[in-house]
Amino acid sequence: LAFGNEGQQLKVGAVSTIQNSLIVG
């Protein structure tokens, strides 16, 4: 659960897997 962070909520520069997540920009 990612929300309210001042920049990006989630960031990945490697091989990435983002699953089953709640993200509020």
PDBML (XML) file of the C-alpha atoms, coordinates in Angstrom:
<?xml version="1.0" encoding="UTF-8" ?>
<PDBx:datablock datablockName="MODEL"
   xmlns:PDBx="http://pdbml.pdb.org/schema/pdbx-v50.xsd"
   xmlns:xsi="http://www.w3.org/2001/XMLSchema-instance"
   xsi:schemaLocation="http://pdbml.pdb.org/schema/pdbx-v50.xsd pdbx-v50.xsd">
   <PDBx:atom_siteCategory>
      <PDBx:atom_site id="1">
         <PDBx:B_iso_or_equiv>0.00</PDBx:B_iso_or_equiv>
         <PDBx:Cartn_x>0.000</PDBx:Cartn_x>
         <PDBx:Cartn_y>0.000</PDBx:Cartn_y>
         <PDBx:Cartn_z>0.000</PDBx:Cartn_z>
         <PDBx:auth_asym_id>A</PDBx:auth_asym_id>
         <PDBx:auth_atom_id>CA</PDBx:auth_atom_id>
         <PDBx:auth_comp_id>LEU</PDBx:auth_comp_id>
         <PDBx:auth_seq_id>1</PDBx:auth_seq_id>
         <PDBx:group_PDB>ATOM</PDBx:group_PDB>
         <PDBx:label_alt_id xsi:nil="true" />
         <PDBx:label_asym_id>A</PDBx:label_asym_id>
         <PDBx:label_atom_id>CA</PDBx:label_atom_id>
         <PDBx:label_comp_id>LEU</PDBx:label_comp_id>
         <PDBx:label_entity_id>1</PDBx:label_entity_id>
         <PDBx:label_seq_id>1</PDBx:label_seq_id>
         <PDBx:occupancy>1.00</PDBx:occupancy>
         <PDBx:pdbx_PDB_model_num>1</PDBx:pdbx_PDB_model_num>
         <PDBx:type_symbol>C</PDBx:type_symbol>
      </PDBx:atom_site>
      <PDBx:atom_site id="2">
         <PDBx:B_iso_or_equiv>0.00</PDBx:B_iso_or_equiv>
         <PDBx:Cartn_x>1.798</PDBx:Cartn_x>
         <PDBx:Cartn_y>3.125</PDBx:Cartn_y>
         <PDBx:Cartn_z>-1.279</PDBx:Cartn_z>
         <PDBx:auth_asym_id>A</PDBx:auth_asym_id>
         <PDBx:auth_atom_id>CA</PDBx:auth_atom_id>
         <PDBx:auth_comp_id>ALA</PDBx:auth_comp_id>
         <PDBx:auth_seq_id>2</PDBx:auth_seq_id>
         <PDBx:group_PDB>ATOM</PDBx:group_PDB>
         <PDBx:label_alt_id xsi:nil="true" />
         <PDBx:label_asym_id>A</PDBx:label_asym_id>
         <PDBx:label_atom_id>CA</PDBx:label_atom_id>
         <PDBx:label_comp_id>ALA</PDBx:label_comp_id>
         <PDBx:label_entity_id>1</PDBx:label_entity_id>
         <PDBx:label_seq_id>2</PDBx:label_seq_id>
         <PDBx:occupancy>1.00</PDBx:occupancy>
         <PDBx:pdbx_PDB_model_num>1</PDBx:pdbx_PDB_model_num>
         <PDBx:type_symbol>C</PDBx:type_symbol>
      </PDBx:atom_site>
      <PDBx:atom_site id="3">
         <PDBx:B_iso_or_equiv>0.00</PDBx:B_iso_or_equiv>
         <PDBx:Cartn_x>0.365</PDBx:Cartn_x>
         <PDBx:Cartn_y>6.617</PDBx:Cartn_y>
         <PDBx:Cartn_z>-0.922</PDBx:Cartn_z>
         <PDBx:auth_asym_id>A</PDBx:auth_asym_id>
         <PDBx:auth_atom_id>CA</PDBx:auth_atom_id>
         <PDBx:auth_comp_id>PHE</PDBx:auth_comp_id>
         <PDBx:auth_seq_id>3</PDBx:auth_seq_id>
         <PDBx:group_PDB>ATOM</PDBx:group_PDB>
         <PDBx:label_alt_id xsi:nil="true" />
         <PDBx:label_asym_id>A</PDBx:label_asym_id>
         <PDBx:label_atom_id>CA</PDBx:label_atom_id>
         <PDBx:label_comp_id>PHE</PDBx:label_comp_id>
         <PDBx:label_entity_id>1</PDBx:label_entity_id>
         <PDBx:label_seq_id>3</PDBx:label_seq_id>
         <PDBx:occupancy>1.00</PDBx:occupancy>
         <PDBx:pdbx_PDB_model_num>1</PDBx:pdbx_PDB_model_num>
         <PDBx:type_symbol>C</PDBx:type_symbol>
      </PDBx:atom_site>
      <PDBx:atom_site id="4">
         <PDBx:B_iso_or_equiv>0.00</PDBx:B_iso_or_equiv>
         <PDBx:Cartn_x>1.194</PDBx:Cartn_x>
         <PDBx:Cartn_y>10.182</PDBx:Cartn_y>
         <PDBx:Cartn_z>0.060</PDBx:Cartn_z>
         <PDBx:auth_asym_id>A</PDBx:auth_asym_id>
         <PDBx:auth_atom_id>CA</PDBx:auth_atom_id>
         <PDBx:auth_comp_id>GLY</PDBx:auth_comp_id>
         <PDBx:auth_seq_id>4</PDBx:auth_seq_id>
         <PDBx:group_PDB>ATOM</PDBx:group_PDB>
         <PDBx:label_alt_id xsi:nil="true" />
         <PDBx:label_asym_id>A</PDBx:label_asym_id>
         <PDBx:label_atom_id>CA</PDBx:label_atom_id>
         <PDBx:label_comp_id>GLY</PDBx:label_comp_id>
         <PDBx:label_entity_id>1</PDBx:label_entity_id>
         <PDBx:label_seq_id>4</PDBx:label_seq_id>
         <PDBx:occupancy>1.00</PDBx:occupancy>
         <PDBx:pdbx_PDB_model_num>1</PDBx:pdbx_PDB_model_num>
         <PDBx:type_symbol>C</PDBx:type_symbol>
      </PDBx:atom_site>
      <PDBx:atom_site id="5">
         <PDBx:B_iso_or_equiv>0.00</PDBx:B_iso_or_equiv>
         <PDBx:Cartn_x>4.917</PDBx:Cartn_x>
         <PDBx:Cartn_y>10.010</PDBx:Cartn_y>
         <PDBx:Cartn_z>-0.679</PDBx:Cartn_z>
         <PDBx:auth_asym_id>A</PDBx:auth_asym_id>
         <PDBx:auth_atom_id>CA</PDBx:auth_atom_id>
         <PDBx:auth_comp_id>ASN</PDBx:auth_comp_id>
         <PDBx:auth_seq_id>5</PDBx:auth_seq_id>
         <PDBx:group_PDB>ATOM</PDBx:group_PDB>
         <PDBx:label_alt_id xsi:nil="true" />
         <PDBx:label_asym_id>A</PDBx:label_asym_id>
         <PDBx:label_atom_id>CA</PDBx:label_atom_id>
         <PDBx:label_comp_id>ASN</PDBx:label_comp_id>
         <PDBx:label_entity_id>1</PDBx:label_entity_id>
         <PDBx:label_seq_id>5</PDBx:label_seq_id>
         <PDBx:occupancy>1.00</PDBx:occupancy>
         <PDBx:pdbx_PDB_model_num>1</PDBx:pdbx_PDB_model_num>
         <PDBx:type_symbol>C</PDBx:type_symbol>
      </PDBx:atom_site>
      <PDBx:atom_site id="6">
         <PDBx:B_iso_or_equiv>0.00</PDBx:B_iso_or_equiv>
         <PDBx:Cartn_x>6.214</PDBx:Cartn_x>
         <PDBx:Cartn_y>13.339</PDBx:Cartn_y>
         <PDBx:Cartn_z>-1.996</PDBx:Cartn_z>
         <PDBx:auth_asym_id>A</PDBx:auth_asym_id>
         <PDBx:auth_atom_id>CA</PDBx:auth_atom_id>
         <PDBx:auth_comp_id>GLU</PDBx:auth_comp_id>
         <PDBx:auth_seq_id>6</PDBx:auth_seq_id>
         <PDBx:group_PDB>ATOM</PDBx:group_PDB>
         <PDBx:label_alt_id xsi:nil="true" />
         <PDBx:label_asym_id>A</PDBx:label_asym_id>
         <PDBx:label_atom_id>CA</PDBx:label_atom_id>
         <PDBx:label_comp_id>GLU</PDBx:label_comp_id>
         <PDBx:label_entity_id>1</PDBx:label_entity_id>
         <PDBx:label_seq_id>6</PDBx:label_seq_id>
         <PDBx:occupancy>1.00</PDBx:occupancy>
         <PDBx:pdbx_PDB_model_num>1</PDBx:pdbx_PDB_model_num>
         <PDBx:type_symbol>C</PDBx:type_symbol>
      </PDBx:atom_site>
      <PDBx:atom_site id="7">
         <PDBx:B_iso_or_equiv>0.00</PDBx:B_iso_or_equiv>
         <PDBx:Cartn_x>7.816</PDBx:Cartn_x>
         <PDBx:Cartn_y>11.893</PDBx:Cartn_y>
         <PDBx:Cartn_z>-5.138</PDBx:Cartn_z>
         <PDBx:auth_asym_id>A</PDBx:auth_asym_id>
         <PDBx:auth_atom_id>CA</PDBx:auth_atom_id>
         <PDBx:auth_comp_id>GLY</PDBx:auth_comp_id>
         <PDBx:auth_seq_id>7</PDBx:auth_seq_id>
         <PDBx:group_PDB>ATOM</PDBx:group_PDB>
         <PDBx:label_alt_id xsi:nil="true" />
         <PDBx:label_asym_id>A</PDBx:label_asym_id>
         <PDBx:label_atom_id>CA</PDBx:label_atom_id>
         <PDBx:label_comp_id>GLY</PDBx:label_comp_id>
         <PDBx:label_entity_id>1</PDBx:label_entity_id>
         <PDBx:label_seq_id>7</PDBx:label_seq_id>
         <PDBx:occupancy>1.00</PDBx:occupancy>
         <PDBx:pdbx_PDB_model_num>1</PDBx:pdbx_PDB_model_num>
         <PDBx:type_symbol>C</PDBx:type_symbol>
      </PDBx:atom_site>
      <PDBx:atom_site id="8">
         <PDBx:B_iso_or_equiv>0.00</PDBx:B_iso_or_equiv>
         <PDBx:Cartn_x>7.051</PDBx:Cartn_x>
         <PDBx:Cartn_y>8.598</PDBx:Cartn_y>
         <PDBx:Cartn_z>-6.840</PDBx:Cartn_z>
         <PDBx:auth_asym_id>A</PDBx:auth_asym_id>
         <PDBx:auth_atom_id>CA</PDBx:auth_atom_id>
         <PDBx:auth_comp_id>GLN</PDBx:auth_comp_id>
         <PDBx:auth_seq_id>8</PDBx:auth_seq_id>
         <PDBx:group_PDB>ATOM</PDBx:group_PDB>
         <PDBx:label_alt_id xsi:nil="true" />
         <PDBx:label_asym_id>A</PDBx:label_asym_id>
         <PDBx:label_atom_id>CA</PDBx:label_atom_id>
         <PDBx:label_comp_id>GLN</PDBx:label_comp_id>
         <PDBx:label_entity_id>1</PDBx:label_entity_id>
         <PDBx:label_seq_id>8</PDBx:label_seq_id>
         <PDBx:occupancy>1.00</PDBx:occupancy>
         <PDBx:pdbx_PDB_model_num>1</PDBx:pdbx_PDB_model_num>
         <PDBx:type_symbol>C</PDBx:type_symbol>
      </PDBx:atom_site>
      <PDBx:atom_site id="9">
         <PDBx:B_iso_or_equiv>0.00</PDBx:B_iso_or_equiv>
         <PDBx:Cartn_x>5.310</PDBx:Cartn_x>
         <PDBx:Cartn_y>5.982</PDBx:Cartn_y>
         <PDBx:Cartn_z>-4.770</PDBx:Cartn_z>
         <PDBx:auth_asym_id>A</PDBx:auth_asym_id>
         <PDBx:auth_atom_id>CA</PDBx:auth_atom_id>
         <PDBx:auth_comp_id>GLN</PDBx:auth_comp_id>
         <PDBx:auth_seq_id>9</PDBx:auth_seq_id>
         <PDBx:group_PDB>ATOM</PDBx:group_PDB>
         <PDBx:label_alt_id xsi:nil="true" />
         <PDBx:label_asym_id>A</PDBx:label_asym_id>
         <PDBx:label_atom_id>CA</PDBx:label_atom_id>
         <PDBx:label_comp_id>GLN</PDBx:label_comp_id>
         <PDBx:label_entity_id>1</PDBx:label_entity_id>
         <PDBx:label_seq_id>9</PDBx:label_seq_id>
         <PDBx:occupancy>1.00</PDBx:occupancy>
         <PDBx:pdbx_PDB_model_num>1</PDBx:pdbx_PDB_model_num>
         <PDBx:type_symbol>C</PDBx:type_symbol>
      </PDBx:atom_site>
      <PDBx:atom_site id="10">
         <PDBx:B_iso_or_equiv>0.00</PDBx:B_iso_or_equiv>
         <PDBx:Cartn_x>7.265</PDBx:Cartn_x>
         <PDBx:Cartn_y>3.011</PDBx:Cartn_y>
         <PDBx:Cartn_z>-6.218</PDBx:Cartn_z>
         <PDBx:auth_asym_id>A</PDBx:auth_asym_id>
         <PDBx:auth_atom_id>CA</PDBx:auth_atom_id>
         <PDBx:auth_comp_id>LEU</PDBx:auth_comp_id>
         <PDBx:auth_seq_id>10</PDBx:auth_seq_id>
         <PDBx:group_PDB>ATOM</PDBx:group_PDB>
         <PDBx:label_alt_id xsi:nil="true" />
         <PDBx:label_asym_id>A</PDBx:label_asym_id>
         <PDBx:label_atom_id>CA</PDBx:label_atom_id>
         <PDBx:label_comp_id>LEU</PDBx:label_comp_id>
         <PDBx:label_entity_id>1</PDBx:label_entity_id>
         <PDBx:label_seq_id>10</PDBx:label_seq_id>
         <PDBx:occupancy>1.00</PDBx:occupancy>
         <PDBx:pdbx_PDB_model_num>1</PDBx:pdbx_PDB_model_num>
         <PDBx:type_symbol>C</PDBx:type_symbol>
      </PDBx:atom_site>
      <PDBx:atom_site id="11">
         <PDBx:B_iso_or_equiv>0.00</PDBx:B_iso_or_equiv>
         <PDBx:Cartn_x>10.426</PDBx:Cartn_x>
         <PDBx:Cartn_y>2.947</PDBx:Cartn_y>
         <PDBx:Cartn_z>-8.373</PDBx:Cartn_z>
         <PDBx:auth_asym_id>A</PDBx:auth_asym_id>
         <PDBx:auth_atom_id>CA</PDBx:auth_atom_id>
         <PDBx:auth_comp_id>LYS</PDBx:auth_comp_id>
         <PDBx:auth_seq_id>11</PDBx:auth_seq_id>
         <PDBx:group_PDB>ATOM</PDBx:group_PDB>
         <PDBx:label_alt_id xsi:nil="true" />
         <PDBx:label_asym_id>A</PDBx:label_asym_id>
         <PDBx:label_atom_id>CA</PDBx:label_atom_id>
         <PDBx:label_comp_id>LYS</PDBx:label_comp_id>
         <PDBx:label_entity_id>1</PDBx:label_entity_id>
         <PDBx:label_seq_id>11</PDBx:label_seq_id>
         <PDBx:occupancy>1.00</PDBx:occupancy>
         <PDBx:pdbx_PDB_model_num>1</PDBx:pdbx_PDB_model_num>
         <PDBx:type_symbol>C</PDBx:type_symbol>
      </PDBx:atom_site>
      <PDBx:atom_site id="12">
         <PDBx:B_iso_or_equiv>0.00</PDBx:B_iso_or_equiv>
         <PDBx:Cartn_x>12.472</PDBx:Cartn_x>
         <PDBx:Cartn_y>0.085</PDBx:Cartn_y>
         <PDBx:Cartn_z>-9.805</PDBx:Cartn_z>
         <PDBx:auth_asym_id>A</PDBx:auth_asym_id>
         <PDBx:auth_atom_id>CA</PDBx:auth_atom_id>
         <PDBx:auth_comp_id>VAL</PDBx:auth_comp_id>
         <PDBx:auth_seq_id>12</PDBx:auth_seq_id>
         <PDBx:group_PDB>ATOM</PDBx:group_PDB>
         <PDBx:label_alt_id xsi:nil="true" />
         <PDBx:label_asym_id>A</PDBx:label_asym_id>
         <PDBx:label_atom_id>CA</PDBx:label_atom_id>
         <PDBx:label_comp_id>VAL</PDBx:label_comp_id>
         <PDBx:label_entity_id>1</PDBx:label_entity_id>
         <PDBx:label_seq_id>12</PDBx:label_seq_id>
         <PDBx:occupancy>1.00</PDBx:occupancy>
         <PDBx:pdbx_PDB_model_num>1</PDBx:pdbx_PDB_model_num>
         <PDBx:type_symbol>C</PDBx:type_symbol>
      </PDBx:atom_site>
      <PDBx:atom_site id="13">
         <PDBx:B_iso_or_equiv>0.00</PDBx:B_iso_or_equiv>
         <PDBx:Cartn_x>15.575</PDBx:Cartn_x>
         <PDBx:Cartn_y>0.151</PDBx:Cartn_y>
         <PDBx:Cartn_z>-11.999</PDBx:Cartn_z>
         <PDBx:auth_asym_id>A</PDBx:auth_asym_id>
         <PDBx:auth_atom_id>CA</PDBx:auth_atom_id>
         <PDBx:auth_comp_id>GLY</PDBx:auth_comp_id>
         <PDBx:auth_seq_id>13</PDBx:auth_seq_id>
         <PDBx:group_PDB>ATOM</PDBx:group_PDB>
         <PDBx:label_alt_id xsi:nil="true" />
         <PDBx:label_asym_id>A</PDBx:label_asym_id>
         <PDBx:label_atom_id>CA</PDBx:label_atom_id>
         <PDBx:label_comp_id>GLY</PDBx:label_comp_id>
         <PDBx:label_entity_id>1</PDBx:label_entity_id>
         <PDBx:label_seq_id>13</PDBx:label_seq_id>
         <PDBx:occupancy>1.00</PDBx:occupancy>
         <PDBx:pdbx_PDB_model_num>1</PDBx:pdbx_PDB_model_num>
         <PDBx:type_symbol>C</PDBx:type_symbol>
      </PDBx:atom_site>
      <PDBx:atom_site id="14">
         <PDBx:B_iso_or_equiv>0.00</PDBx:B_iso_or_equiv>
         <PDBx:Cartn_x>16.250</PDBx:Cartn_x>
         <PDBx:Cartn_y>-3.593</PDBx:Cartn_y>
         <PDBx:Cartn_z>-12.064</PDBx:Cartn_z>
         <PDBx:auth_asym_id>A</PDBx:auth_asym_id>
         <PDBx:auth_atom_id>CA</PDBx:auth_atom_id>
         <PDBx:auth_comp_id>ALA</PDBx:auth_comp_id>
         <PDBx:auth_seq_id>14</PDBx:auth_seq_id>
         <PDBx:group_PDB>ATOM</PDBx:group_PDB>
         <PDBx:label_alt_id xsi:nil="true" />
         <PDBx:label_asym_id>A</PDBx:label_asym_id>
         <PDBx:label_atom_id>CA</PDBx:label_atom_id>
         <PDBx:label_comp_id>ALA</PDBx:label_comp_id>
         <PDBx:label_entity_id>1</PDBx:label_entity_id>
         <PDBx:label_seq_id>14</PDBx:label_seq_id>
         <PDBx:occupancy>1.00</PDBx:occupancy>
         <PDBx:pdbx_PDB_model_num>1</PDBx:pdbx_PDB_model_num>
         <PDBx:type_symbol>C</PDBx:type_symbol>
      </PDBx:atom_site>
      <PDBx:atom_site id="15">
         <PDBx:B_iso_or_equiv>0.00</PDBx:B_iso_or_equiv>
         <PDBx:Cartn_x>14.118</PDBx:Cartn_x>
         <PDBx:Cartn_y>-6.436</PDBx:Cartn_y>
         <PDBx:Cartn_z>-13.390</PDBx:Cartn_z>
         <PDBx:auth_asym_id>A</PDBx:auth_asym_id>
         <PDBx:auth_atom_id>CA</PDBx:auth_atom_id>
         <PDBx:auth_comp_id>VAL</PDBx:auth_comp_id>
         <PDBx:auth_seq_id>15</PDBx:auth_seq_id>
         <PDBx:group_PDB>ATOM</PDBx:group_PDB>
         <PDBx:label_alt_id xsi:nil="true" />
         <PDBx:label_asym_id>A</PDBx:label_asym_id>
         <PDBx:label_atom_id>CA</PDBx:label_atom_id>
         <PDBx:label_comp_id>VAL</PDBx:label_comp_id>
         <PDBx:label_entity_id>1</PDBx:label_entity_id>
         <PDBx:label_seq_id>15</PDBx:label_seq_id>
         <PDBx:occupancy>1.00</PDBx:occupancy>
         <PDBx:pdbx_PDB_model_num>1</PDBx:pdbx_PDB_model_num>
         <PDBx:type_symbol>C</PDBx:type_symbol>
      </PDBx:atom_site>
      <PDBx:atom_site id="16">
         <PDBx:B_iso_or_equiv>0.00</PDBx:B_iso_or_equiv>
         <PDBx:Cartn_x>10.846</PDBx:Cartn_x>
         <PDBx:Cartn_y>-5.642</PDBx:Cartn_y>
         <PDBx:Cartn_z>-11.649</PDBx:Cartn_z>
         <PDBx:auth_asym_id>A</PDBx:auth_asym_id>
         <PDBx:auth_atom_id>CA</PDBx:auth_atom_id>
         <PDBx:auth_comp_id>SER</PDBx:auth_comp_id>
         <PDBx:auth_seq_id>16</PDBx:auth_seq_id>
         <PDBx:group_PDB>ATOM</PDBx:group_PDB>
         <PDBx:label_alt_id xsi:nil="true" />
         <PDBx:label_asym_id>A</PDBx:label_asym_id>
         <PDBx:label_atom_id>CA</PDBx:label_atom_id>
         <PDBx:label_comp_id>SER</PDBx:label_comp_id>
         <PDBx:label_entity_id>1</PDBx:label_entity_id>
         <PDBx:label_seq_id>16</PDBx:label_seq_id>
         <PDBx:occupancy>1.00</PDBx:occupancy>
         <PDBx:pdbx_PDB_model_num>1</PDBx:pdbx_PDB_model_num>
         <PDBx:type_symbol>C</PDBx:type_symbol>
      </PDBx:atom_site>
      <PDBx:atom_site id="17">
         <PDBx:B_iso_or_equiv>0.00</PDBx:B_iso_or_equiv>
         <PDBx:Cartn_x>7.706</PDBx:Cartn_x>
         <PDBx:Cartn_y>-7.337</PDBx:Cartn_y>
         <PDBx:Cartn_z>-10.406</PDBx:Cartn_z>
         <PDBx:auth_asym_id>A</PDBx:auth_asym_id>
         <PDBx:auth_atom_id>CA</PDBx:auth_atom_id>
         <PDBx:auth_comp_id>THR</PDBx:auth_comp_id>
         <PDBx:auth_seq_id>17</PDBx:auth_seq_id>
         <PDBx:group_PDB>ATOM</PDBx:group_PDB>
         <PDBx:label_alt_id xsi:nil="true" />
         <PDBx:label_asym_id>A</PDBx:label_asym_id>
         <PDBx:label_atom_id>CA</PDBx:label_atom_id>
         <PDBx:label_comp_id>THR</PDBx:label_comp_id>
         <PDBx:label_entity_id>1</PDBx:label_entity_id>
         <PDBx:label_seq_id>17</PDBx:label_seq_id>
         <PDBx:occupancy>1.00</PDBx:occupancy>
         <PDBx:pdbx_PDB_model_num>1</PDBx:pdbx_PDB_model_num>
         <PDBx:type_symbol>C</PDBx:type_symbol>
      </PDBx:atom_site>
      <PDBx:atom_site id="18">
         <PDBx:B_iso_or_equiv>0.00</PDBx:B_iso_or_equiv>
         <PDBx:Cartn_x>4.880</PDBx:Cartn_x>
         <PDBx:Cartn_y>-5.234</PDBx:Cartn_y>
         <PDBx:Cartn_z>-8.960</PDBx:Cartn_z>
         <PDBx:auth_asym_id>A</PDBx:auth_asym_id>
         <PDBx:auth_atom_id>CA</PDBx:auth_atom_id>
         <PDBx:auth_comp_id>ILE</PDBx:auth_comp_id>
         <PDBx:auth_seq_id>18</PDBx:auth_seq_id>
         <PDBx:group_PDB>ATOM</PDBx:group_PDB>
         <PDBx:label_alt_id xsi:nil="true" />
         <PDBx:label_asym_id>A</PDBx:label_asym_id>
         <PDBx:label_atom_id>CA</PDBx:label_atom_id>
         <PDBx:label_comp_id>ILE</PDBx:label_comp_id>
         <PDBx:label_entity_id>1</PDBx:label_entity_id>
         <PDBx:label_seq_id>18</PDBx:label_seq_id>
         <PDBx:occupancy>1.00</PDBx:occupancy>
         <PDBx:pdbx_PDB_model_num>1</PDBx:pdbx_PDB_model_num>
         <PDBx:type_symbol>C</PDBx:type_symbol>
      </PDBx:atom_site>
      <PDBx:atom_site id="19">
         <PDBx:B_iso_or_equiv>0.00</PDBx:B_iso_or_equiv>
         <PDBx:Cartn_x>1.777</PDBx:Cartn_x>
         <PDBx:Cartn_y>-7.230</PDBx:Cartn_y>
         <PDBx:Cartn_z>-8.079</PDBx:Cartn_z>
         <PDBx:auth_asym_id>A</PDBx:auth_asym_id>
         <PDBx:auth_atom_id>CA</PDBx:auth_atom_id>
         <PDBx:auth_comp_id>GLN</PDBx:auth_comp_id>
         <PDBx:auth_seq_id>19</PDBx:auth_seq_id>
         <PDBx:group_PDB>ATOM</PDBx:group_PDB>
         <PDBx:label_alt_id xsi:nil="true" />
         <PDBx:label_asym_id>A</PDBx:label_asym_id>
         <PDBx:label_atom_id>CA</PDBx:label_atom_id>
         <PDBx:label_comp_id>GLN</PDBx:label_comp_id>
         <PDBx:label_entity_id>1</PDBx:label_entity_id>
         <PDBx:label_seq_id>19</PDBx:label_seq_id>
         <PDBx:occupancy>1.00</PDBx:occupancy>
         <PDBx:pdbx_PDB_model_num>1</PDBx:pdbx_PDB_model_num>
         <PDBx:type_symbol>C</PDBx:type_symbol>
      </PDBx:atom_site>
      <PDBx:atom_site id="20">
         <PDBx:B_iso_or_equiv>0.00</PDBx:B_iso_or_equiv>
         <PDBx:Cartn_x>-1.313</PDBx:Cartn_x>
         <PDBx:Cartn_y>-7.068</PDBx:Cartn_y>
         <PDBx:Cartn_z>-5.859</PDBx:Cartn_z>
         <PDBx:auth_asym_id>A</PDBx:auth_asym_id>
         <PDBx:auth_atom_id>CA</PDBx:auth_atom_id>
         <PDBx:auth_comp_id>ASN</PDBx:auth_comp_id>
         <PDBx:auth_seq_id>20</PDBx:auth_seq_id>
         <PDBx:group_PDB>ATOM</PDBx:group_PDB>
         <PDBx:label_alt_id xsi:nil="true" />
         <PDBx:label_asym_id>A</PDBx:label_asym_id>
         <PDBx:label_atom_id>CA</PDBx:label_atom_id>
         <PDBx:label_comp_id>ASN</PDBx:label_comp_id>
         <PDBx:label_entity_id>1</PDBx:label_entity_id>
         <PDBx:label_seq_id>20</PDBx:label_seq_id>
         <PDBx:occupancy>1.00</PDBx:occupancy>
         <PDBx:pdbx_PDB_model_num>1</PDBx:pdbx_PDB_model_num>
         <PDBx:type_symbol>C</PDBx:type_symbol>
      </PDBx:atom_site>
      <PDBx:atom_site id="21">
         <PDBx:B_iso_or_equiv>0.00</PDBx:B_iso_or_equiv>
         <PDBx:Cartn_x>-0.537</PDBx:Cartn_x>
         <PDBx:Cartn_y>-3.511</PDBx:Cartn_y>
         <PDBx:Cartn_z>-4.752</PDBx:Cartn_z>
         <PDBx:auth_asym_id>A</PDBx:auth_asym_id>
         <PDBx:auth_atom_id>CA</PDBx:auth_atom_id>
         <PDBx:auth_comp_id>SER</PDBx:auth_comp_id>
         <PDBx:auth_seq_id>21</PDBx:auth_seq_id>
         <PDBx:group_PDB>ATOM</PDBx:group_PDB>
         <PDBx:label_alt_id xsi:nil="true" />
         <PDBx:label_asym_id>A</PDBx:label_asym_id>
         <PDBx:label_atom_id>CA</PDBx:label_atom_id>
         <PDBx:label_comp_id>SER</PDBx:label_comp_id>
         <PDBx:label_entity_id>1</PDBx:label_entity_id>
         <PDBx:label_seq_id>21</PDBx:label_seq_id>
         <PDBx:occupancy>1.00</PDBx:occupancy>
         <PDBx:pdbx_PDB_model_num>1</PDBx:pdbx_PDB_model_num>
         <PDBx:type_symbol>C</PDBx:type_symbol>
      </PDBx:atom_site>
      <PDBx:atom_site id="22">
         <PDBx:B_iso_or_equiv>0.00</PDBx:B_iso_or_equiv>
         <PDBx:Cartn_x>-2.662</PDBx:Cartn_x>
         <PDBx:Cartn_y>-0.443</PDBx:Cartn_y>
         <PDBx:Cartn_z>-3.990</PDBx:Cartn_z>
         <PDBx:auth_asym_id>A</PDBx:auth_asym_id>
         <PDBx:auth_atom_id>CA</PDBx:auth_atom_id>
         <PDBx:auth_comp_id>LEU</PDBx:auth_comp_id>
         <PDBx:auth_seq_id>22</PDBx:auth_seq_id>
         <PDBx:group_PDB>ATOM</PDBx:group_PDB>
         <PDBx:label_alt_id xsi:nil="true" />
         <PDBx:label_asym_id>A</PDBx:label_asym_id>
         <PDBx:label_atom_id>CA</PDBx:label_atom_id>
         <PDBx:label_comp_id>LEU</PDBx:label_comp_id>
         <PDBx:label_entity_id>1</PDBx:label_entity_id>
         <PDBx:label_seq_id>22</PDBx:label_seq_id>
         <PDBx:occupancy>1.00</PDBx:occupancy>
         <PDBx:pdbx_PDB_model_num>1</PDBx:pdbx_PDB_model_num>
         <PDBx:type_symbol>C</PDBx:type_symbol>
      </PDBx:atom_site>
      <PDBx:atom_site id="23">
         <PDBx:B_iso_or_equiv>0.00</PDBx:B_iso_or_equiv>
         <PDBx:Cartn_x>-1.064</PDBx:Cartn_x>
         <PDBx:Cartn_y>2.765</PDBx:Cartn_y>
         <PDBx:Cartn_z>-5.247</PDBx:Cartn_z>
         <PDBx:auth_asym_id>A</PDBx:auth_asym_id>
         <PDBx:auth_atom_id>CA</PDBx:auth_atom_id>
         <PDBx:auth_comp_id>ILE</PDBx:auth_comp_id>
         <PDBx:auth_seq_id>23</PDBx:auth_seq_id>
         <PDBx:group_PDB>ATOM</PDBx:group_PDB>
         <PDBx:label_alt_id xsi:nil="true" />
         <PDBx:label_asym_id>A</PDBx:label_asym_id>
         <PDBx:label_atom_id>CA</PDBx:label_atom_id>
         <PDBx:label_comp_id>ILE</PDBx:label_comp_id>
         <PDBx:label_entity_id>1</PDBx:label_entity_id>
         <PDBx:label_seq_id>23</PDBx:label_seq_id>
         <PDBx:occupancy>1.00</PDBx:occupancy>
         <PDBx:pdbx_PDB_model_num>1</PDBx:pdbx_PDB_model_num>
         <PDBx:type_symbol>C</PDBx:type_symbol>
      </PDBx:atom_site>
      <PDBx:atom_site id="24">
         <PDBx:B_iso_or_equiv>0.00</PDBx:B_iso_or_equiv>
         <PDBx:Cartn_x>-2.398</PDBx:Cartn_x>
         <PDBx:Cartn_y>6.303</PDBx:Cartn_y>
         <PDBx:Cartn_z>-4.803</PDBx:Cartn_z>
         <PDBx:auth_asym_id>A</PDBx:auth_asym_id>
         <PDBx:auth_atom_id>CA</PDBx:auth_atom_id>
         <PDBx:auth_comp_id>VAL</PDBx:auth_comp_id>
         <PDBx:auth_seq_id>24</PDBx:auth_seq_id>
         <PDBx:group_PDB>ATOM</PDBx:group_PDB>
         <PDBx:label_alt_id xsi:nil="true" />
         <PDBx:label_asym_id>A</PDBx:label_asym_id>
         <PDBx:label_atom_id>CA</PDBx:label_atom_id>
         <PDBx:label_comp_id>VAL</PDBx:label_comp_id>
         <PDBx:label_entity_id>1</PDBx:label_entity_id>
         <PDBx:label_seq_id>24</PDBx:label_seq_id>
         <PDBx:occupancy>1.00</PDBx:occupancy>
         <PDBx:pdbx_PDB_model_num>1</PDBx:pdbx_PDB_model_num>
         <PDBx:type_symbol>C</PDBx:type_symbol>
      </PDBx:atom_site>
      <PDBx:atom_site id="25">
         <PDBx:B_iso_or_equiv>0.00</PDBx:B_iso_or_equiv>
         <PDBx:Cartn_x>-0.649</PDBx:Cartn_x>
         <PDBx:Cartn_y>9.114</PDBx:Cartn_y>
         <PDBx:Cartn_z>-6.648</PDBx:Cartn_z>
         <PDBx:auth_asym_id>A</PDBx:auth_asym_id>
         <PDBx:auth_atom_id>CA</PDBx:auth_atom_id>
         <PDBx:auth_comp_id>GLY</PDBx:auth_comp_id>
         <PDBx:auth_seq_id>25</PDBx:auth_seq_id>
         <PDBx:group_PDB>ATOM</PDBx:group_PDB>
         <PDBx:label_alt_id xsi:nil="true" />
         <PDBx:label_asym_id>A</PDBx:label_asym_id>
         <PDBx:label_atom_id>CA</PDBx:label_atom_id>
         <PDBx:label_comp_id>GLY</PDBx:label_comp_id>
         <PDBx:label_entity_id>1</PDBx:label_entity_id>
         <PDBx:label_seq_id>25</PDBx:label_seq_id>
         <PDBx:occupancy>1.00</PDBx:occupancy>
         <PDBx:pdbx_PDB_model_num>1</PDBx:pdbx_PDB_model_num>
         <PDBx:type_symbol>C</PDBx:type_symbol>
      </PDBx:atom_site>
   </PDBx:atom_siteCategory>
</PDBx:datablock>
